Amino acid sequence: LMFLAGAVATMAFDLRGQIISPALGWANLSPHGLAKSLLGTFGLPNGDFAGYFMHFYLVGLIGYPVGWLFIFKPLWNRVLGGFGGWFLPSAVYGFGLWVFAIGGITAIAGLPFFLNFTGITWVALVGHVLYGIVMVLVMRIATRG
């Protein structure tokens, strides 16, 4: 379930950030570039393969779905009693992912905080919220009936 939902959500994120956004004249996301920067900060191999592997597999298929299933969703349900159905918490989760990735990981990787709030920052915001919504939607569809 995690891999399926994570794969579809990551594809939606990349489609939006690397194809649709630049086609509209907006910034082009390079999430593997952020992953490469982070790996390099820790002295780890940081070539293109490592960046894509970290972005797609470790984060998109495992990390973010685990965060939803075992941390965010149970916390949301415990604190807010399931308020907002599935859509609101999935969008809030996506927003949180954006804060974590663009606000936190960029700082750890030695990049400007929130990438200096340039165009890529806002494209990444939409991409992360989209990721959260698509991931939860796929999980819901896959677990029906």
N, C-alpha and C. Protein backbone atom coordinates (compact mmCIF):
# COMPACT_ATOMS: atom_id res chain seq x y z
N LEU A 1 0.83 -1.20 0.00
CA LEU A 1 0.00 0.00 0.00
C LEU A 1 0.87 1.26 0.00
N MET A 2 1.89 1.25 0.86
CA MET A 2 2.78 2.42 0.93
C MET A 2 3.48 2.64 -0.41
N PHE A 3 4.01 1.57 -0.98
CA PHE A 3 4.76 1.70 -2.23
C PHE A 3 3.87 2.16 -3.37
N LEU A 4 2.67 1.60 -3.46
CA LEU A 4 1.74 1.99 -4.52
C LEU A 4 1.36 3.46 -4.38
N ALA A 5 0.90 3.83 -3.19
CA ALA A 5 0.49 5.22 -2.96
C ALA A 5 1.66 6.18 -3.11
N GLY A 6 2.81 5.80 -2.58
CA GLY A 6 4.00 6.64 -2.70
C GLY A 6 4.45 6.81 -4.14
N ALA A 7 4.37 5.73 -4.92
CA ALA A 7 4.79 5.80 -6.33
C ALA A 7 3.87 6.72 -7.12
N VAL A 8 2.57 6.56 -6.95
CA VAL A 8 1.62 7.40 -7.70
C VAL A 8 1.76 8.86 -7.26
N ALA A 9 1.89 9.09 -5.96
CA ALA A 9 2.01 10.46 -5.45
C ALA A 9 3.32 11.10 -5.92
N THR A 10 4.40 10.34 -5.93
CA THR A 10 5.68 10.88 -6.40
C THR A 10 5.61 11.21 -7.88
N MET A 11 4.94 10.35 -8.65
CA MET A 11 4.79 10.64 -10.08
C MET A 11 3.96 11.91 -10.28
N ALA A 12 2.91 12.10 -9.47
CA ALA A 12 2.11 13.33 -9.57
C ALA A 12 2.95 14.55 -9.21
N PHE A 13 3.75 14.41 -8.15
CA PHE A 13 4.64 15.49 -7.71
C PHE A 13 5.62 15.85 -8.83
N ASP A 14 6.26 14.84 -9.41
CA ASP A 14 7.25 15.10 -10.46
C ASP A 14 6.61 15.60 -11.74
N LEU A 15 5.44 15.07 -12.10
CA LEU A 15 4.73 15.55 -13.28
C LEU A 15 4.40 17.03 -13.13
N ARG A 16 3.90 17.39 -11.98
CA ARG A 16 3.54 18.79 -11.72
C ARG A 16 4.77 19.68 -11.68
N GLY A 17 5.81 19.23 -10.97
CA GLY A 17 6.97 20.09 -10.74
C GLY A 17 8.00 20.10 -11.85
N GLN A 18 8.05 19.04 -12.66
CA GLN A 18 9.10 18.97 -13.67
C GLN A 18 8.59 19.05 -15.10
N ILE A 19 7.27 18.96 -15.28
CA ILE A 19 6.72 19.05 -16.64
C ILE A 19 5.68 20.17 -16.74
N ILE A 20 4.65 20.11 -15.91
CA ILE A 20 3.55 21.08 -16.02
C ILE A 20 4.02 22.48 -15.61
N SER A 21 4.68 22.59 -14.47
CA SER A 21 5.12 23.89 -13.98
C SER A 21 6.04 24.61 -14.98
N PRO A 22 7.10 23.96 -15.47
CA PRO A 22 7.95 24.66 -16.45
C PRO A 22 7.22 24.96 -17.75
N ALA A 23 6.28 24.11 -18.14
CA ALA A 23 5.52 24.35 -19.37
C ALA A 23 4.66 25.61 -19.24
N LEU A 24 4.28 25.94 -18.01
CA LEU A 24 3.49 27.15 -17.75
C LEU A 24 4.38 28.38 -17.51
N GLY A 25 5.70 28.17 -17.59
CA GLY A 25 6.63 29.28 -17.38
C GLY A 25 7.05 29.47 -15.94
N TRP A 26 6.70 28.52 -15.08
CA TRP A 26 7.08 28.61 -13.67
C TRP A 26 8.35 27.79 -13.43
N ALA A 27 8.79 27.77 -12.22
CA ALA A 27 10.04 27.09 -11.86
C ALA A 27 9.96 25.58 -12.11
N ASN A 28 11.11 25.00 -12.32
CA ASN A 28 11.25 23.57 -12.53
C ASN A 28 11.82 22.95 -11.25
N LEU A 29 11.08 22.01 -10.66
CA LEU A 29 11.57 21.36 -9.44
C LEU A 29 12.72 20.42 -9.76
N SER A 30 13.63 20.34 -8.82
CA SER A 30 14.76 19.41 -8.94
C SER A 30 14.95 18.73 -7.59
N PRO A 31 13.99 17.88 -7.18
CA PRO A 31 14.10 17.28 -5.85
C PRO A 31 15.32 16.39 -5.69
N HIS A 32 15.76 15.78 -6.77
CA HIS A 32 16.97 14.95 -6.64
C HIS A 32 18.19 15.84 -6.36
N GLY A 33 18.13 17.10 -6.80
CA GLY A 33 19.22 18.03 -6.51
C GLY A 33 19.31 18.33 -5.03
N LEU A 34 18.17 18.50 -4.38
CA LEU A 34 18.17 18.72 -2.94
C LEU A 34 18.70 17.48 -2.22
N ALA A 35 18.28 16.31 -2.68
CA ALA A 35 18.77 15.06 -2.08
C ALA A 35 20.29 14.94 -2.25
N LYS A 36 20.78 15.30 -3.43
CA LYS A 36 22.23 15.25 -3.68
C LYS A 36 22.96 16.20 -2.73
N SER A 37 22.43 17.38 -2.54
CA SER A 37 23.05 18.36 -1.64
C SER A 37 23.10 17.83 -0.21
N LEU A 38 22.01 17.22 0.22
CA LEU A 38 21.95 16.68 1.57
C LEU A 38 22.96 15.55 1.74
N LEU A 39 23.01 14.64 0.78
CA LEU A 39 23.98 13.54 0.85
C LEU A 39 25.41 14.06 0.88
N GLY A 40 25.69 15.06 0.05
CA GLY A 40 27.03 15.65 0.02
C GLY A 40 27.41 16.29 1.33
N THR A 41 26.44 16.89 2.02
CA THR A 41 26.70 17.52 3.31
C THR A 41 27.23 16.51 4.31
N PHE A 42 26.75 15.28 4.21
CA PHE A 42 27.19 14.23 5.13
C PHE A 42 28.35 13.41 4.58
N GLY A 43 28.92 13.84 3.46
CA GLY A 43 30.05 13.15 2.89
C GLY A 43 29.70 11.83 2.23
N LEU A 44 28.43 11.65 1.89
CA LEU A 44 27.98 10.42 1.24
C LEU A 44 28.02 10.57 -0.27
N PRO A 45 27.99 9.46 -1.00
CA PRO A 45 27.94 9.57 -2.47
C PRO A 45 26.74 10.42 -2.88
N ASN A 46 26.98 11.40 -3.75
CA ASN A 46 25.91 12.33 -4.09
C ASN A 46 25.80 12.56 -5.60
N GLY A 47 25.98 11.50 -6.36
CA GLY A 47 25.78 11.60 -7.80
C GLY A 47 24.31 11.60 -8.14
N ASP A 48 24.00 11.68 -9.43
CA ASP A 48 22.61 11.70 -9.88
C ASP A 48 21.83 10.48 -9.41
N PHE A 49 22.44 9.28 -9.53
CA PHE A 49 21.74 8.08 -9.11
C PHE A 49 21.36 8.15 -7.65
N ALA A 50 22.29 8.57 -6.80
CA ALA A 50 22.02 8.66 -5.36
C ALA A 50 20.90 9.65 -5.08
N GLY A 51 20.91 10.77 -5.78
CA GLY A 51 19.86 11.77 -5.58
C GLY A 51 18.49 11.27 -5.98
N TYR A 52 18.41 10.64 -7.14
CA TYR A 52 17.13 10.08 -7.59
C TYR A 52 16.68 8.95 -6.68
N PHE A 53 17.62 8.09 -6.28
CA PHE A 53 17.28 6.98 -5.40
C PHE A 53 16.70 7.49 -4.09
N MET A 54 17.35 8.47 -3.52
CA MET A 54 16.88 9.02 -2.24
C MET A 54 15.51 9.67 -2.41
N HIS A 55 15.35 10.49 -3.45
CA HIS A 55 14.09 11.20 -3.66
C HIS A 55 12.94 10.24 -3.94
N PHE A 56 13.12 9.36 -4.90
CA PHE A 56 12.00 8.52 -5.31
C PHE A 56 11.77 7.36 -4.35
N TYR A 57 12.79 6.61 -4.05
CA TYR A 57 12.60 5.40 -3.25
C TYR A 57 12.54 5.66 -1.76
N LEU A 58 13.59 6.26 -1.22
CA LEU A 58 13.64 6.41 0.23
C LEU A 58 12.60 7.39 0.76
N VAL A 59 12.42 8.50 0.07
CA VAL A 59 11.47 9.51 0.54
C VAL A 59 10.07 9.25 0.00
N GLY A 60 9.95 9.16 -1.33
CA GLY A 60 8.63 9.05 -1.95
C GLY A 60 7.90 7.75 -1.69
N LEU A 61 8.61 6.62 -1.70
CA LEU A 61 7.96 5.32 -1.51
C LEU A 61 7.92 4.86 -0.06
N ILE A 62 8.87 5.33 0.73
CA ILE A 62 8.94 4.83 2.11
C ILE A 62 8.73 5.93 3.14
N GLY A 63 9.58 6.94 3.14
CA GLY A 63 9.58 7.95 4.20
C GLY A 63 8.26 8.69 4.38
N TYR A 64 7.79 9.31 3.33
CA TYR A 64 6.56 10.09 3.46
C TYR A 64 5.34 9.22 3.73
N PRO A 65 5.17 8.06 3.08
CA PRO A 65 4.03 7.21 3.44
C PRO A 65 4.10 6.70 4.89
N VAL A 66 5.29 6.34 5.36
CA VAL A 66 5.44 5.91 6.76
C VAL A 66 5.04 7.06 7.69
N GLY A 67 5.49 8.27 7.36
CA GLY A 67 5.13 9.43 8.17
C GLY A 67 3.64 9.63 8.26
N TRP A 68 2.94 9.41 7.16
CA TRP A 68 1.47 9.55 7.15
C TRP A 68 0.82 8.45 7.97
N LEU A 69 1.16 7.21 7.65
CA LEU A 69 0.47 6.07 8.26
C LEU A 69 0.73 5.90 9.75
N PHE A 70 1.96 6.16 10.17
CA PHE A 70 2.33 5.82 11.54
C PHE A 70 2.57 7.01 12.46
N ILE A 71 2.62 8.20 11.90
CA ILE A 71 2.85 9.38 12.75
C ILE A 71 1.72 10.40 12.59
N PHE A 72 1.58 10.97 11.39
CA PHE A 72 0.66 12.09 11.21
C PHE A 72 -0.80 11.68 11.36
N LYS A 73 -1.24 10.65 10.64
CA LYS A 73 -2.65 10.26 10.67
C LYS A 73 -3.09 9.85 12.08
N PRO A 74 -2.33 9.01 12.79
CA PRO A 74 -2.76 8.68 14.17
C PRO A 74 -2.80 9.91 15.08
N LEU A 75 -1.83 10.81 14.93
CA LEU A 75 -1.81 12.03 15.73
C LEU A 75 -3.02 12.91 15.42
N TRP A 76 -3.29 13.09 14.11
CA TRP A 76 -4.44 13.89 13.68
C TRP A 76 -5.73 13.32 14.27
N ASN A 77 -5.88 12.01 14.15
CA ASN A 77 -7.10 11.37 14.65
C ASN A 77 -7.22 11.49 16.17
N ARG A 78 -6.10 11.37 16.87
CA ARG A 78 -6.13 11.46 18.33
C ARG A 78 -6.44 12.87 18.79
N VAL A 79 -5.81 13.85 18.15
CA VAL A 79 -5.98 15.25 18.58
C VAL A 79 -7.26 15.86 18.04
N LEU A 80 -7.56 15.60 16.76
CA LEU A 80 -8.71 16.25 16.12
C LEU A 80 -9.86 15.30 15.83
N GLY A 81 -9.75 14.07 16.25
CA GLY A 81 -10.84 13.12 16.10
C GLY A 81 -11.26 12.88 14.66
N GLY A 82 -10.33 12.93 13.75
CA GLY A 82 -10.66 12.69 12.34
C GLY A 82 -11.30 13.88 11.64
N PHE A 83 -11.26 15.05 12.26
CA PHE A 83 -11.83 16.26 11.66
C PHE A 83 -11.30 16.47 10.25
N GLY A 84 -12.19 16.85 9.36
CA GLY A 84 -11.79 17.19 8.00
C GLY A 84 -11.79 16.02 7.03
N GLY A 85 -12.32 14.87 7.47
CA GLY A 85 -12.36 13.73 6.56
C GLY A 85 -10.96 13.27 6.21
N TRP A 86 -10.74 13.01 4.95
CA TRP A 86 -9.39 12.60 4.49
C TRP A 86 -8.68 13.73 3.76
N PHE A 87 -9.44 14.63 3.13
CA PHE A 87 -8.83 15.64 2.27
C PHE A 87 -8.04 16.67 3.06
N LEU A 88 -8.65 17.26 4.08
CA LEU A 88 -7.97 18.30 4.85
C LEU A 88 -6.69 17.78 5.50
N PRO A 89 -6.73 16.65 6.22
CA PRO A 89 -5.47 16.20 6.81
C PRO A 89 -4.40 15.84 5.77
N SER A 90 -4.81 15.33 4.62
CA SER A 90 -3.81 15.01 3.59
C SER A 90 -3.17 16.27 3.04
N ALA A 91 -3.94 17.34 2.88
CA ALA A 91 -3.38 18.62 2.42
C ALA A 91 -2.48 19.23 3.49
N VAL A 92 -2.89 19.15 4.75
CA VAL A 92 -2.06 19.66 5.84
C VAL A 92 -0.76 18.86 5.93
N TYR A 93 -0.86 17.55 5.74
CA TYR A 93 0.35 16.72 5.74
C TYR A 93 1.29 17.15 4.62
N GLY A 94 0.76 17.37 3.43
CA GLY A 94 1.58 17.84 2.32
C GLY A 94 2.25 19.17 2.64
N PHE A 95 1.51 20.07 3.27
CA PHE A 95 2.09 21.35 3.70
C PHE A 95 3.24 21.11 4.68
N GLY A 96 3.04 20.20 5.61
CA GLY A 96 4.09 19.86 6.57
C GLY A 96 5.32 19.28 5.89
N LEU A 97 5.10 18.47 4.85
CA LEU A 97 6.22 17.92 4.09
C LEU A 97 7.02 19.04 3.44
N TRP A 98 6.31 20.05 2.94
CA TRP A 98 6.96 21.20 2.32
C TRP A 98 7.82 21.95 3.34
N VAL A 99 7.27 22.18 4.52
CA VAL A 99 8.02 22.86 5.58
C VAL A 99 9.26 22.04 5.94
N PHE A 100 9.08 20.72 6.07
CA PHE A 100 10.18 19.83 6.40
C PHE A 100 11.26 19.85 5.31
N ALA A 101 10.85 19.70 4.06
CA ALA A 101 11.81 19.59 2.95
C ALA A 101 12.44 20.92 2.59
N ILE A 102 11.61 21.93 2.34
CA ILE A 102 12.12 23.20 1.82
C ILE A 102 12.57 24.12 2.95
N GLY A 103 12.00 23.95 4.13
CA GLY A 103 12.43 24.75 5.26
C GLY A 103 13.54 24.12 6.07
N GLY A 104 13.44 22.80 6.27
CA GLY A 104 14.41 22.13 7.13
C GLY A 104 15.56 21.48 6.40
N ILE A 105 15.25 20.62 5.45
CA ILE A 105 16.30 19.87 4.75
C ILE A 105 17.22 20.82 3.98
N THR A 106 16.67 21.87 3.39
CA THR A 106 17.53 22.82 2.67
C THR A 106 18.54 23.46 3.62
N ALA A 107 18.10 23.78 4.82
CA ALA A 107 19.01 24.40 5.79
C ALA A 107 20.11 23.42 6.19
N ILE A 108 19.74 22.16 6.42
CA ILE A 108 20.74 21.14 6.78
C ILE A 108 21.73 20.93 5.63
N ALA A 109 21.22 21.00 4.40
CA ALA A 109 22.06 20.78 3.22
C ALA A 109 22.91 21.99 2.86
N GLY A 110 22.78 23.06 3.63
CA GLY A 110 23.59 24.25 3.38
C GLY A 110 23.03 25.17 2.32
N LEU A 111 21.76 24.98 1.98
CA LEU A 111 21.11 25.82 0.99
C LEU A 111 20.35 26.93 1.70
N PRO A 112 19.97 27.99 0.99
CA PRO A 112 19.24 29.09 1.64
C PRO A 112 17.91 28.61 2.23
N PHE A 113 17.55 29.17 3.37
CA PHE A 113 16.30 28.85 4.06
C PHE A 113 15.13 29.07 3.10
N PHE A 114 14.31 28.06 2.95
CA PHE A 114 13.17 28.08 2.02
C PHE A 114 13.59 28.54 0.63
N LEU A 115 14.84 28.25 0.30
CA LEU A 115 15.39 28.59 -1.02
C LEU A 115 15.16 30.06 -1.38
N ASN A 116 15.26 30.92 -0.35
CA ASN A 116 15.06 32.37 -0.50
C ASN A 116 13.69 32.74 -1.05
N PHE A 117 12.72 31.87 -0.87
CA PHE A 117 11.34 32.12 -1.31
C PHE A 117 11.27 32.51 -2.78
N THR A 118 12.05 31.82 -3.59
CA THR A 118 12.02 32.03 -5.04
C THR A 118 10.88 31.21 -5.64
N GLY A 119 10.75 31.23 -6.95
CA GLY A 119 9.67 30.52 -7.63
C GLY A 119 9.63 29.04 -7.31
N ILE A 120 10.80 28.43 -7.14
CA ILE A 120 10.84 26.99 -6.85
C ILE A 120 10.18 26.68 -5.50
N THR A 121 10.25 27.62 -4.56
CA THR A 121 9.64 27.44 -3.25
C THR A 121 8.14 27.22 -3.38
N TRP A 122 7.50 28.02 -4.22
CA TRP A 122 6.03 27.96 -4.36
C TRP A 122 5.60 26.78 -5.21
N VAL A 123 6.40 26.43 -6.21
CA VAL A 123 6.10 25.23 -6.99
C VAL A 123 6.25 24.00 -6.09
N ALA A 124 7.23 24.02 -5.22
CA ALA A 124 7.42 22.91 -4.28
C ALA A 124 6.26 22.83 -3.29
N LEU A 125 5.73 23.97 -2.88
CA LEU A 125 4.57 23.96 -1.97
C LEU A 125 3.40 23.23 -2.63
N VAL A 126 3.06 23.62 -3.85
CA VAL A 126 1.96 22.96 -4.56
C VAL A 126 2.27 21.48 -4.75
N GLY A 127 3.51 21.16 -5.10
CA GLY A 127 3.89 19.77 -5.32
C GLY A 127 3.75 18.91 -4.07
N HIS A 128 4.17 19.43 -2.93
CA HIS A 128 4.08 18.65 -1.69
C HIS A 128 2.63 18.49 -1.23
N VAL A 129 1.83 19.52 -1.36
CA VAL A 129 0.41 19.38 -1.01
C VAL A 129 -0.25 18.39 -1.95
N LEU A 130 0.05 18.48 -3.24
CA LEU A 130 -0.47 17.51 -4.21
C LEU A 130 -0.04 16.10 -3.84
N TYR A 131 1.22 15.93 -3.47
CA TYR A 131 1.72 14.62 -3.06
C TYR A 131 0.86 14.06 -1.93
N GLY A 132 0.66 14.85 -0.88
CA GLY A 132 -0.12 14.39 0.27
C GLY A 132 -1.53 13.97 -0.12
N ILE A 133 -2.18 14.78 -0.94
CA ILE A 133 -3.56 14.48 -1.36
C ILE A 133 -3.60 13.22 -2.21
N VAL A 134 -2.72 13.11 -3.19
CA VAL A 134 -2.72 11.95 -4.08
C VAL A 134 -2.37 10.68 -3.30
N MET A 135 -1.39 10.76 -2.42
CA MET A 135 -1.00 9.59 -1.64
C MET A 135 -2.17 9.04 -0.83
N VAL A 136 -2.87 9.91 -0.13
CA VAL A 136 -3.97 9.47 0.71
C VAL A 136 -5.14 8.99 -0.16
N LEU A 137 -5.39 9.66 -1.26
CA LEU A 137 -6.46 9.23 -2.17
C LEU A 137 -6.19 7.82 -2.69
N VAL A 138 -4.97 7.55 -3.10
CA VAL A 138 -4.62 6.21 -3.59
C VAL A 138 -4.77 5.18 -2.47
N MET A 139 -4.35 5.52 -1.27
CA MET A 139 -4.52 4.60 -0.13
C MET A 139 -5.98 4.30 0.10
N ARG A 140 -6.81 5.31 0.02
CA ARG A 140 -8.25 5.11 0.24
C ARG A 140 -8.85 4.23 -0.85
N ILE A 141 -8.50 4.51 -2.09
CA ILE A 141 -9.03 3.71 -3.21
C ILE A 141 -8.56 2.26 -3.10
N ALA A 142 -7.28 2.08 -2.75
CA ALA A 142 -6.72 0.72 -2.68
C ALA A 142 -7.28 -0.11 -1.54
N THR A 143 -7.78 0.53 -0.49
CA THR A 143 -8.28 -0.22 0.67
C THR A 143 -9.80 -0.36 0.68
N ARG A 144 -10.47 0.14 -0.34
CA ARG A 144 -11.93 -0.02 -0.41
C ARG A 144 -12.29 -1.43 -0.79
N GLY A 145 -13.40 -1.93 -0.20
CA GLY A 145 -13.99 -3.20 -0.61
C GLY A 145 -13.01 -4.30 -0.70
